[in-house]
């Protein structure tokens, strides 16, 4: 479920978000979600060696980069975004459960 959230970004983050949105033909919001998901996965992987993702970020991004143009691209892109969000959610849930245990 998506929820509206107001955030303040610096000019250079907005510029990069717009660039990603244009290159991959997605909305600015989608670009921000992708960047946050990739960033979360990368950070959690570095912070906790116990966490092992079933899919590498590099492999996911390579698949997106090599997607052919056209209508098929949209279907493949949505599938790959779903995979990215699923993996990011698993990483975040892993990290949050570790933190909850630590707070007890």
PDB file of N, CA and C in Angstrom:
ATOM      1  N   UNK A   1       0.846  -1.169   0.000  1.00  0.00           N
ATOM      2  CA  UNK A   1       0.000   0.000   0.000  1.00  0.00           C
ATOM      3  C   UNK A   1       0.900   1.243   0.000  1.00  0.00           C
ATOM      4  N   UNK A   2       0.558   2.182  -0.825  1.00  0.00           N
ATOM      5  CA  UNK A   2       1.306   3.430  -0.892  1.00  0.00           C
ATOM      6  C   UNK A   2       0.621   4.481  -0.023  1.00  0.00           C
ATOM      7  N   UNK A   3       1.425   5.284   0.640  1.00  0.00           N
ATOM      8  CA  UNK A   3       0.913   6.390   1.442  1.00  0.00           C
ATOM      9  C   UNK A   3       1.642   7.655   1.033  1.00  0.00           C
ATOM     10  N   UNK A   4       0.933   8.737   1.066  1.00  0.00           N
ATOM     11  CA  UNK A   4       1.517  10.033   0.732  1.00  0.00           C
ATOM     12  C   UNK A   4       2.422  10.461   1.876  1.00  0.00           C
ATOM     13  N   UNK A   5       3.603  10.963   1.501  1.00  0.00           N
ATOM     14  CA  UNK A   5       4.573  11.391   2.504  1.00  0.00           C
ATOM     15  C   UNK A   5       5.337  12.588   1.938  1.00  0.00           C
ATOM     16  N   UNK A   6       5.348  13.656   2.672  1.00  0.00           N
ATOM     17  CA  UNK A   6       6.070  14.831   2.204  1.00  0.00           C
ATOM     18  C   UNK A   6       7.497  14.783   2.727  1.00  0.00           C
ATOM     19  N   UNK A   7       8.464  14.912   1.818  1.00  0.00           N
ATOM     20  CA  UNK A   7       9.875  14.942   2.218  1.00  0.00           C
ATOM     21  C   UNK A   7      10.546  16.135   1.558  1.00  0.00           C
ATOM     22  N   UNK A   8      11.589  16.611   2.182  1.00  0.00           N
ATOM     23  CA  UNK A   8      12.378  17.696   1.615  1.00  0.00           C
ATOM     24  C   UNK A   8      13.661  17.111   1.061  1.00  0.00           C
ATOM     25  N   UNK A   9      13.967  17.444  -0.182  1.00  0.00           N
ATOM     26  CA  UNK A   9      15.161  16.939  -0.842  1.00  0.00           C
ATOM     27  C   UNK A   9      16.020  18.097  -1.326  1.00  0.00           C
ATOM     28  N   UNK A  10      17.303  17.868  -1.343  1.00  0.00           N
ATOM     29  CA  UNK A  10      18.211  18.876  -1.891  1.00  0.00           C
ATOM     30  C   UNK A  10      18.097  18.874  -3.416  1.00  0.00           C
ATOM     31  N   UNK A  11      18.561  19.942  -4.022  1.00  0.00           N
ATOM     32  CA  UNK A  11      18.477  20.073  -5.483  1.00  0.00           C
ATOM     33  C   UNK A  11      19.138  18.909  -6.209  1.00  0.00           C
ATOM     34  N   UNK A  12      20.301  18.479  -5.739  1.00  0.00           N
ATOM     35  CA  UNK A  12      21.020  17.418  -6.436  1.00  0.00           C
ATOM     36  C   UNK A  12      20.300  16.079  -6.335  1.00  0.00           C
ATOM     37  N   UNK A  13      19.579  15.814  -5.243  1.00  0.00           N
ATOM     38  CA  UNK A  13      18.790  14.588  -5.150  1.00  0.00           C
ATOM     39  C   UNK A  13      17.581  14.646  -6.084  1.00  0.00           C
ATOM     40  N   UNK A  14      16.976  15.818  -6.169  1.00  0.00           N
ATOM     41  CA  UNK A  14      15.839  15.986  -7.075  1.00  0.00           C
ATOM     42  C   UNK A  14      16.295  15.803  -8.520  1.00  0.00           C
ATOM     43  N   UNK A  15      17.429  16.391  -8.843  1.00  0.00           N
ATOM     44  CA  UNK A  15      17.960  16.271 -10.202  1.00  0.00           C
ATOM     45  C   UNK A  15      18.224  14.805 -10.560  1.00  0.00           C
ATOM     46  N   UNK A  16      18.821  14.064  -9.621  1.00  0.00           N
ATOM     47  CA  UNK A  16      19.104  12.656  -9.886  1.00  0.00           C
ATOM     48  C   UNK A  16      17.812  11.845  -9.967  1.00  0.00           C
ATOM     49  N   UNK A  17      16.866  12.121  -9.083  1.00  0.00           N
ATOM     50  CA  UNK A  17      15.575  11.432  -9.137  1.00  0.00           C
ATOM     51  C   UNK A  17      14.866  11.672 -10.462  1.00  0.00           C
ATOM     52  N   UNK A  18      14.895  12.905 -10.934  1.00  0.00           N
ATOM     53  CA  UNK A  18      14.297  13.222 -12.233  1.00  0.00           C
ATOM     54  C   UNK A  18      15.020  12.507 -13.370  1.00  0.00           C
ATOM     55  N   UNK A  19      16.334  12.424 -13.272  1.00  0.00           N
ATOM     56  CA  UNK A  19      17.127  11.722 -14.290  1.00  0.00           C
ATOM     57  C   UNK A  19      16.737  10.244 -14.348  1.00  0.00           C
ATOM     58  N   UNK A  20      16.666   9.605 -13.180  1.00  0.00           N
ATOM     59  CA  UNK A  20      16.273   8.188 -13.119  1.00  0.00           C
ATOM     60  C   UNK A  20      14.863   8.011 -13.674  1.00  0.00           C
ATOM     61  N   UNK A  21      13.963   8.901 -13.295  1.00  0.00           N
ATOM     62  CA  UNK A  21      12.580   8.824 -13.769  1.00  0.00           C
ATOM     63  C   UNK A  21      12.519   8.921 -15.292  1.00  0.00           C
ATOM     64  N   UNK A  22      13.305   9.811 -15.851  1.00  0.00           N
ATOM     65  CA  UNK A  22      13.300   9.991 -17.305  1.00  0.00           C
ATOM     66  C   UNK A  22      13.924   8.802 -18.024  1.00  0.00           C
ATOM     67  N   UNK A  23      15.064   8.343 -17.549  1.00  0.00           N
ATOM     68  CA  UNK A  23      15.773   7.237 -18.205  1.00  0.00           C
ATOM     69  C   UNK A  23      14.929   5.963 -18.198  1.00  0.00           C
ATOM     70  N   UNK A  24      14.289   5.670 -17.070  1.00  0.00           N
ATOM     71  CA  UNK A  24      13.522   4.425 -16.949  1.00  0.00           C
ATOM     72  C   UNK A  24      12.033   4.594 -17.197  1.00  0.00           C
ATOM     73  N   UNK A  25      11.631   5.808 -17.569  1.00  0.00           N
ATOM     74  CA  UNK A  25      10.240   6.102 -17.908  1.00  0.00           C
ATOM     75  C   UNK A  25       9.291   5.712 -16.771  1.00  0.00           C
ATOM     76  N   UNK A  26       9.629   6.203 -15.577  1.00  0.00           N
ATOM     77  CA  UNK A  26       8.785   6.001 -14.397  1.00  0.00           C
ATOM     78  C   UNK A  26       8.519   7.370 -13.774  1.00  0.00           C
ATOM     79  N   UNK A  27       7.609   7.419 -12.828  1.00  0.00           N
ATOM     80  CA  UNK A  27       7.323   8.678 -12.148  1.00  0.00           C
ATOM     81  C   UNK A  27       8.466   9.030 -11.194  1.00  0.00           C
ATOM     82  N   UNK A  28       8.504  10.272 -10.777  1.00  0.00           N
ATOM     83  CA  UNK A  28       9.508  10.697  -9.801  1.00  0.00           C
ATOM     84  C   UNK A  28       9.341   9.905  -8.505  1.00  0.00           C
ATOM     85  N   UNK A  29       8.106   9.688  -8.083  1.00  0.00           N
ATOM     86  CA  UNK A  29       7.848   8.919  -6.860  1.00  0.00           C
ATOM     87  C   UNK A  29       8.394   7.498  -6.972  1.00  0.00           C
ATOM     88  N   UNK A  30       8.179   6.883  -8.127  1.00  0.00           N
ATOM     89  CA  UNK A  30       8.705   5.524  -8.352  1.00  0.00           C
ATOM     90  C   UNK A  30      10.229   5.526  -8.307  1.00  0.00           C
ATOM     91  N   UNK A  31      10.833   6.541  -8.907  1.00  0.00           N
ATOM     92  CA  UNK A  31      12.297   6.646  -8.892  1.00  0.00           C
ATOM     93  C   UNK A  31      12.816   6.764  -7.458  1.00  0.00           C
ATOM     94  N   UNK A  32      12.140   7.545  -6.635  1.00  0.00           N
ATOM     95  CA  UNK A  32      12.544   7.695  -5.235  1.00  0.00           C
ATOM     96  C   UNK A  32      12.380   6.369  -4.496  1.00  0.00           C
ATOM     97  N   UNK A  33      11.282   5.650  -4.756  1.00  0.00           N
ATOM     98  CA  UNK A  33      11.085   4.346  -4.112  1.00  0.00           C
ATOM     99  C   UNK A  33      12.186   3.371  -4.506  1.00  0.00           C
ATOM    100  N   UNK A  34      12.575   3.382  -5.779  1.00  0.00           N
ATOM    101  CA  UNK A  34      13.654   2.498  -6.246  1.00  0.00           C
ATOM    102  C   UNK A  34      14.964   2.865  -5.549  1.00  0.00           C
ATOM    103  N   UNK A  35      15.283   4.148  -5.538  1.00  0.00           N
ATOM    104  CA  UNK A  35      16.540   4.584  -4.910  1.00  0.00           C
ATOM    105  C   UNK A  35      16.568   4.243  -3.426  1.00  0.00           C
ATOM    106  N   UNK A  36      15.450   4.419  -2.738  1.00  0.00           N
ATOM    107  CA  UNK A  36      15.395   4.087  -1.310  1.00  0.00           C
ATOM    108  C   UNK A  36      15.510   2.581  -1.091  1.00  0.00           C
ATOM    109  N   UNK A  37      14.880   1.797  -1.956  1.00  0.00           N
ATOM    110  CA  UNK A  37      14.941   0.340  -1.824  1.00  0.00           C
ATOM    111  C   UNK A  37      16.351  -0.181  -2.050  1.00  0.00           C
ATOM    112  N   UNK A  38      16.990   0.310  -3.100  1.00  0.00           N
ATOM    113  CA  UNK A  38      18.363  -0.108  -3.383  1.00  0.00           C
ATOM    114  C   UNK A  38      19.292   0.330  -2.251  1.00  0.00           C
ATOM    115  N   UNK A  39      19.111   1.550  -1.793  1.00  0.00           N
ATOM    116  CA  UNK A  39      19.932   2.057  -0.695  1.00  0.00           C
ATOM    117  C   UNK A  39      19.744   1.257   0.583  1.00  0.00           C
ATOM    118  N   UNK A  40      18.498   0.912   0.889  1.00  0.00           N
ATOM    119  CA  UNK A  40      18.223   0.116   2.096  1.00  0.00           C
ATOM    120  C   UNK A  40      18.864  -1.252   1.994  1.00  0.00           C
ATOM    121  N   UNK A  41      18.724  -1.896   0.842  1.00  0.00           N
ATOM    122  CA  UNK A  41      19.329  -3.222   0.668  1.00  0.00           C
ATOM    123  C   UNK A  41      20.846  -3.161   0.792  1.00  0.00           C
ATOM    124  N   UNK A  42      21.449  -2.161   0.171  1.00  0.00           N
ATOM    125  CA  UNK A  42      22.908  -2.027   0.230  1.00  0.00           C
ATOM    126  C   UNK A  42      23.372  -1.763   1.655  1.00  0.00           C
ATOM    127  N   UNK A  43      22.695  -0.884   2.358  1.00  0.00           N
ATOM    128  CA  UNK A  43      23.082  -0.548   3.731  1.00  0.00           C
ATOM    129  C   UNK A  43      22.930  -1.751   4.648  1.00  0.00           C
ATOM    130  N   UNK A  44      21.815  -2.452   4.549  1.00  0.00           N
ATOM    131  CA  UNK A  44      21.564  -3.595   5.433  1.00  0.00           C
ATOM    132  C   UNK A  44      22.555  -4.715   5.150  1.00  0.00           C
ATOM    133  N   UNK A  45      22.871  -4.925   3.888  1.00  0.00           N
ATOM    134  CA  UNK A  45      23.859  -5.946   3.531  1.00  0.00           C
ATOM    135  C   UNK A  45      25.223  -5.624   4.139  1.00  0.00           C
ATOM    136  N   UNK A  46      25.585  -4.350   4.143  1.00  0.00           N
ATOM    137  CA  UNK A  46      26.872  -3.936   4.717  1.00  0.00           C
ATOM    138  C   UNK A  46      26.847  -3.932   6.243  1.00  0.00           C
ATOM    139  N   UNK A  47      25.727  -3.522   6.826  1.00  0.00           N
ATOM    140  CA  UNK A  47      25.631  -3.416   8.279  1.00  0.00           C
ATOM    141  C   UNK A  47      25.549  -4.769   8.974  1.00  0.00           C
ATOM    142  N   UNK A  48      24.930  -5.729   8.324  1.00  0.00           N
ATOM    143  CA  UNK A  48      24.712  -7.016   8.970  1.00  0.00           C
ATOM    144  C   UNK A  48      25.125  -8.168   8.057  1.00  0.00           C
ATOM    145  N   UNK A  49      26.304  -8.731   8.293  1.00  0.00           N
ATOM    146  CA  UNK A  49      26.778  -9.840   7.456  1.00  0.00           C
ATOM    147  C   UNK A  49      25.895 -11.087   7.550  1.00  0.00           C
ATOM    148  N   UNK A  50      25.052 -11.171   8.581  1.00  0.00           N
ATOM    149  CA  UNK A  50      24.151 -12.321   8.710  1.00  0.00           C
ATOM    150  C   UNK A  50      23.054 -12.291   7.655  1.00  0.00           C
ATOM    151  N   UNK A  51      22.741 -11.097   7.163  1.00  0.00           N
ATOM    152  CA  UNK A  51      21.674 -10.995   6.162  1.00  0.00           C
ATOM    153  C   UNK A  51      22.210 -11.377   4.789  1.00  0.00           C
ATOM    154  N   UNK A  52      21.556 -12.331   4.177  1.00  0.00           N
ATOM    155  CA  UNK A  52      21.917 -12.753   2.821  1.00  0.00           C
ATOM    156  C   UNK A  52      20.684 -12.651   1.942  1.00  0.00           C
ATOM    157  N   UNK A  53      20.767 -11.799   0.940  1.00  0.00           N
ATOM    158  CA  UNK A  53      19.671 -11.645  -0.006  1.00  0.00           C
ATOM    159  C   UNK A  53      19.726 -12.777  -1.019  1.00  0.00           C
ATOM    160  N   UNK A  54      18.567 -13.220  -1.466  1.00  0.00           N
ATOM    161  CA  UNK A  54      18.538 -14.277  -2.486  1.00  0.00           C
ATOM    162  C   UNK A  54      18.882 -13.725  -3.865  1.00  0.00           C
ATOM    163  N   UNK A  55      18.869 -12.404  -4.000  1.00  0.00           N
ATOM    164  CA  UNK A  55      19.173 -11.761  -5.279  1.00  0.00           C
ATOM    165  C   UNK A  55      20.111 -10.584  -5.019  1.00  0.00           C
ATOM    166  N   UNK A  56      21.141 -10.444  -5.831  1.00  0.00           N
ATOM    167  CA  UNK A  56      22.056  -9.321  -5.642  1.00  0.00           C
ATOM    168  C   UNK A  56      21.495  -8.063  -6.299  1.00  0.00           C
ATOM    169  N   UNK A  57      21.802  -6.940  -5.702  1.00  0.00           N
ATOM    170  CA  UNK A  57      21.365  -5.656  -6.253  1.00  0.00           C
ATOM    171  C   UNK A  57      21.947  -5.477  -7.649  1.00  0.00           C
ATOM    172  N   UNK A  58      23.207  -5.828  -7.784  1.00  0.00           N
ATOM    173  CA  UNK A  58      23.885  -5.667  -9.072  1.00  0.00           C
ATOM    174  C   UNK A  58      23.164  -6.458 -10.168  1.00  0.00           C
ATOM    175  N   UNK A  59      22.768  -7.685  -9.866  1.00  0.00           N
ATOM    176  CA  UNK A  59      22.088  -8.514 -10.860  1.00  0.00           C
ATOM    177  C   UNK A  59      20.726  -7.925 -11.228  1.00  0.00           C
ATOM    178  N   UNK A  60      19.991  -7.412 -10.232  1.00  0.00           N
ATOM    179  CA  UNK A  60      18.691  -6.804 -10.511  1.00  0.00           C
ATOM    180  C   UNK A  60      18.836  -5.579 -11.410  1.00  0.00           C
ATOM    181  N   UNK A  61      19.815  -4.735 -11.103  1.00  0.00           N
ATOM    182  CA  UNK A  61      20.007  -3.519 -11.902  1.00  0.00           C
ATOM    183  C   UNK A  61      20.494  -3.846 -13.312  1.00  0.00           C
ATOM    184  N   UNK A  62      21.316  -4.883 -13.451  1.00  0.00           N
ATOM    185  CA  UNK A  62      21.768  -5.312 -14.781  1.00  0.00           C
ATOM    186  C   UNK A  62      20.583  -5.779 -15.625  1.00  0.00           C
ATOM    187  N   UNK A  63      19.677  -6.538 -15.011  1.00  0.00           N
ATOM    188  CA  UNK A  63      18.495  -7.002 -15.740  1.00  0.00           C
ATOM    189  C   UNK A  63      17.658  -5.821 -16.215  1.00  0.00           C
ATOM    190  N   UNK A  64      17.503  -4.806 -15.373  1.00  0.00           N
ATOM    191  CA  UNK A  64      16.709  -3.635 -15.766  1.00  0.00           C
ATOM    192  C   UNK A  64      17.400  -2.869 -16.891  1.00  0.00           C
ATOM    193  N   UNK A  65      18.708  -2.755 -16.795  1.00  0.00           N
ATOM    194  CA  UNK A  65      19.465  -2.019 -17.807  1.00  0.00           C
ATOM    195  C   UNK A  65      19.384  -2.715 -19.165  1.00  0.00           C
ATOM    196  N   UNK A  66      19.327  -4.037 -19.171  1.00  0.00           N
ATOM    197  CA  UNK A  66      19.353  -4.805 -20.419  1.00  0.00           C
ATOM    198  C   UNK A  66      17.972  -5.141 -20.966  1.00  0.00           C
ATOM    199  N   UNK A  67      16.936  -4.549 -20.410  1.00  0.00           N
ATOM    200  CA  UNK A  67      15.571  -4.807 -20.864  1.00  0.00           C
ATOM    201  C   UNK A  67      15.356  -4.154 -22.226  1.00  0.00           C
ATOM    202  N   UNK A  68      14.813  -4.907 -23.191  1.00  0.00           N
ATOM    203  CA  UNK A  68      14.575  -4.326 -24.521  1.00  0.00           C
ATOM    204  C   UNK A  68      13.449  -3.297 -24.494  1.00  0.00           C
ATOM    205  N   UNK A  69      13.465  -2.344 -25.436  1.00  0.00           N
ATOM    206  CA  UNK A  69      12.409  -1.323 -25.478  1.00  0.00           C
ATOM    207  C   UNK A  69      11.080  -1.904 -25.958  1.00  0.00           C
ATOM    208  N   UNK A  70      10.019  -1.133 -25.781  1.00  0.00           N
ATOM    209  CA  UNK A  70       8.699  -1.540 -26.266  1.00  0.00           C
ATOM    210  C   UNK A  70       7.781  -1.958 -25.140  1.00  0.00           C
ATOM    211  N   UNK A  71       6.641  -2.543 -25.516  1.00  0.00           N
ATOM    212  CA  UNK A  71       5.630  -2.918 -24.536  1.00  0.00           C
ATOM    213  C   UNK A  71       6.147  -3.991 -23.583  1.00  0.00           C
ATOM    214  N   UNK A  72       6.964  -4.884 -24.092  1.00  0.00           N
ATOM    215  CA  UNK A  72       7.536  -5.933 -23.260  1.00  0.00           C
ATOM    216  C   UNK A  72       8.350  -5.319 -22.137  1.00  0.00           C
ATOM    217  N   UNK A  73       8.997  -4.182 -22.435  1.00  0.00           N
ATOM    218  CA  UNK A  73       9.802  -3.498 -21.432  1.00  0.00           C
ATOM    219  C   UNK A  73       8.969  -3.140 -20.206  1.00  0.00           C
ATOM    220  N   UNK A  74       7.765  -2.651 -20.435  1.00  0.00           N
ATOM    221  CA  UNK A  74       6.912  -2.242 -19.323  1.00  0.00           C
ATOM    222  C   UNK A  74       6.571  -3.434 -18.430  1.00  0.00           C
ATOM    223  N   UNK A  75       6.219  -4.556 -19.048  1.00  0.00           N
ATOM    224  CA  UNK A  75       5.880  -5.762 -18.275  1.00  0.00           C
ATOM    225  C   UNK A  75       7.090  -6.271 -17.500  1.00  0.00           C
ATOM    226  N   UNK A  76       8.238  -6.311 -18.152  1.00  0.00           N
ATOM    227  CA  UNK A  76       9.463  -6.781 -17.499  1.00  0.00           C
ATOM    228  C   UNK A  76       9.864  -5.812 -16.397  1.00  0.00           C
ATOM    229  N   UNK A  77       9.758  -4.529 -16.669  1.00  0.00           N
ATOM    230  CA  UNK A  77      10.113  -3.506 -15.689  1.00  0.00           C
ATOM    231  C   UNK A  77       9.271  -3.655 -14.429  1.00  0.00           C
ATOM    232  N   UNK A  78       7.969  -3.850 -14.578  1.00  0.00           N
ATOM    233  CA  UNK A  78       7.096  -4.009 -13.416  1.00  0.00           C
ATOM    234  C   UNK A  78       7.466  -5.262 -12.625  1.00  0.00           C
ATOM    235  N   UNK A  79       7.784  -6.341 -13.330  1.00  0.00           N
ATOM    236  CA  UNK A  79       8.180  -7.579 -12.657  1.00  0.00           C
ATOM    237  C   UNK A  79       9.470  -7.367 -11.875  1.00  0.00           C
ATOM    238  N   UNK A  80      10.425  -6.668 -12.485  1.00  0.00           N
ATOM    239  CA  UNK A  80      11.706  -6.433 -11.825  1.00  0.00           C
ATOM    240  C   UNK A  80      11.560  -5.469 -10.649  1.00  0.00           C
ATOM    241  N   UNK A  81      10.703  -4.465 -10.789  1.00  0.00           N
ATOM    242  CA  UNK A  81      10.451  -3.563  -9.666  1.00  0.00           C
ATOM    243  C   UNK A  81       9.803  -4.325  -8.513  1.00  0.00           C
ATOM    244  N   UNK A  82       8.878  -5.217  -8.829  1.00  0.00           N
ATOM    245  CA  UNK A  82       8.245  -6.027  -7.784  1.00  0.00           C
ATOM    246  C   UNK A  82       9.287  -6.874  -7.063  1.00  0.00           C
ATOM    247  N   UNK A  83      10.211  -7.450  -7.820  1.00  0.00           N
ATOM    248  CA  UNK A  83      11.278  -8.253  -7.219  1.00  0.00           C
ATOM    249  C   UNK A  83      12.162  -7.382  -6.318  1.00  0.00           C
ATOM    250  N   UNK A  84      12.499  -6.192  -6.798  1.00  0.00           N
ATOM    251  CA  UNK A  84      13.314  -5.274  -6.006  1.00  0.00           C
ATOM    252  C   UNK A  84      12.608  -4.906  -4.703  1.00  0.00           C
ATOM    253  N   UNK A  85      11.341  -4.522  -4.789  1.00  0.00           N
ATOM    254  CA  UNK A  85      10.598  -4.134  -3.594  1.00  0.00           C
ATOM    255  C   UNK A  85      10.454  -5.301  -2.619  1.00  0.00           C
ATOM    256  N   UNK A  86      10.237  -6.497  -3.152  1.00  0.00           N
ATOM    257  CA  UNK A  86      10.118  -7.681  -2.300  1.00  0.00           C
ATOM    258  C   UNK A  86      11.421  -7.935  -1.539  1.00  0.00           C
ATOM    259  N   UNK A  87      12.539  -7.878  -2.248  1.00  0.00           N
ATOM    260  CA  UNK A  87      13.840  -8.115  -1.612  1.00  0.00           C
ATOM    261  C   UNK A  87      14.170  -7.014  -0.607  1.00  0.00           C
ATOM    262  N   UNK A  88      13.836  -5.769  -0.941  1.00  0.00           N
ATOM    263  CA  UNK A  88      14.090  -4.657  -0.012  1.00  0.00           C
ATOM    264  C   UNK A  88      13.238  -4.814   1.240  1.00  0.00           C
ATOM    265  N   UNK A  89      12.006  -5.231   1.059  1.00  0.00           N
ATOM    266  CA  UNK A  89      11.128  -5.424   2.217  1.00  0.00           C
ATOM    267  C   UNK A  89      11.664  -6.533   3.121  1.00  0.00           C
ATOM    268  N   UNK A  90      12.122  -7.637   2.519  1.00  0.00           N
ATOM    269  CA  UNK A  90      12.695  -8.723   3.316  1.00  0.00           C
ATOM    270  C   UNK A  90      13.909  -8.231   4.103  1.00  0.00           C
ATOM    271  N   UNK A  91      14.763  -7.440   3.470  1.00  0.00           N
ATOM    272  CA  UNK A  91      15.952  -6.907   4.143  1.00  0.00           C
ATOM    273  C   UNK A  91      15.553  -5.991   5.291  1.00  0.00           C
ATOM    274  N   UNK A  92      14.592  -5.127   5.052  1.00  0.00           N
ATOM    275  CA  UNK A  92      14.147  -4.187   6.090  1.00  0.00           C
ATOM    276  C   UNK A  92      13.478  -4.939   7.240  1.00  0.00           C
ATOM    277  N   UNK A  93      12.653  -5.922   6.931  1.00  0.00           N
ATOM    278  CA  UNK A  93      12.012  -6.705   7.994  1.00  0.00           C
ATOM    279  C   UNK A  93      13.061  -7.459   8.810  1.00  0.00           C
ATOM    280  N   UNK A  94      14.094  -7.979   8.142  1.00  0.00           N
ATOM    281  CA  UNK A  94      15.186  -8.652   8.845  1.00  0.00           C
ATOM    282  C   UNK A  94      15.865  -7.684   9.802  1.00  0.00           C
ATOM    283  N   UNK A  95      16.180  -6.511   9.316  1.00  0.00           N
ATOM    284  CA  UNK A  95      16.867  -5.507  10.135  1.00  0.00           C
ATOM    285  C   UNK A  95      15.984  -5.025  11.281  1.00  0.00           C
ATOM    286  N   UNK A  96      14.719  -4.795  11.018  1.00  0.00           N
ATOM    287  CA  UNK A  96      13.818  -4.316  12.058  1.00  0.00           C
ATOM    288  C   UNK A  96      13.600  -5.381  13.133  1.00  0.00           C
ATOM    289  N   UNK A  97      13.549  -6.653  12.759  1.00  0.00           N
ATOM    290  CA  UNK A  97      13.371  -7.708  13.762  1.00  0.00           C
ATOM    291  C   UNK A  97      14.608  -7.796  14.643  1.00  0.00           C
ATOM    292  N   UNK A  98      15.765  -7.610  14.056  1.00  0.00           N
ATOM    293  CA  UNK A  98      17.016  -7.603  14.826  1.00  0.00           C
ATOM    294  C   UNK A  98      16.999  -6.451  15.828  1.00  0.00           C
ATOM    295  N   UNK A  99      16.530  -5.320  15.393  1.00  0.00           N
ATOM    296  CA  UNK A  99      16.487  -4.150  16.272  1.00  0.00           C
ATOM    297  C   UNK A  99      15.478  -4.327  17.406  1.00  0.00           C
ATOM    298  N   UNK A 100      14.317  -4.902  17.065  1.00  0.00           N
ATOM    299  CA  UNK A 100      13.306  -5.141  18.111  1.00  0.00           C
ATOM    300  C   UNK A 100      13.835  -6.081  19.179  1.00  0.00           C
ATOM    301  N   UNK A 101      14.570  -7.115  18.757  1.00  0.00           N
ATOM    302  CA  UNK A 101      15.175  -8.049  19.719  1.00  0.00           C
ATOM    303  C   UNK A 101      16.180  -7.326  20.609  1.00  0.00           C
ATOM    304  N   UNK A 102      16.931  -6.419  20.034  1.00  0.00           N
ATOM    305  CA  UNK A 102      17.948  -5.685  20.776  1.00  0.00           C
ATOM    306  C   UNK A 102      17.320  -4.767  21.833  1.00  0.00           C
ATOM    307  N   UNK A 103      16.137  -4.206  21.525  1.00  0.00           N
ATOM    308  CA  UNK A 103      15.461  -3.281  22.437  1.00  0.00           C
ATOM    309  C   UNK A 103      14.844  -3.994  23.634  1.00  0.00           C
ATOM    310  N   UNK A 104      14.642  -5.294  23.538  1.00  0.00           N
ATOM    311  CA  UNK A 104      14.021  -6.042  24.656  1.00  0.00           C
ATOM    312  C   UNK A 104      14.922  -6.214  25.803  1.00  0.00           C
TER     313      UNK A 104
END
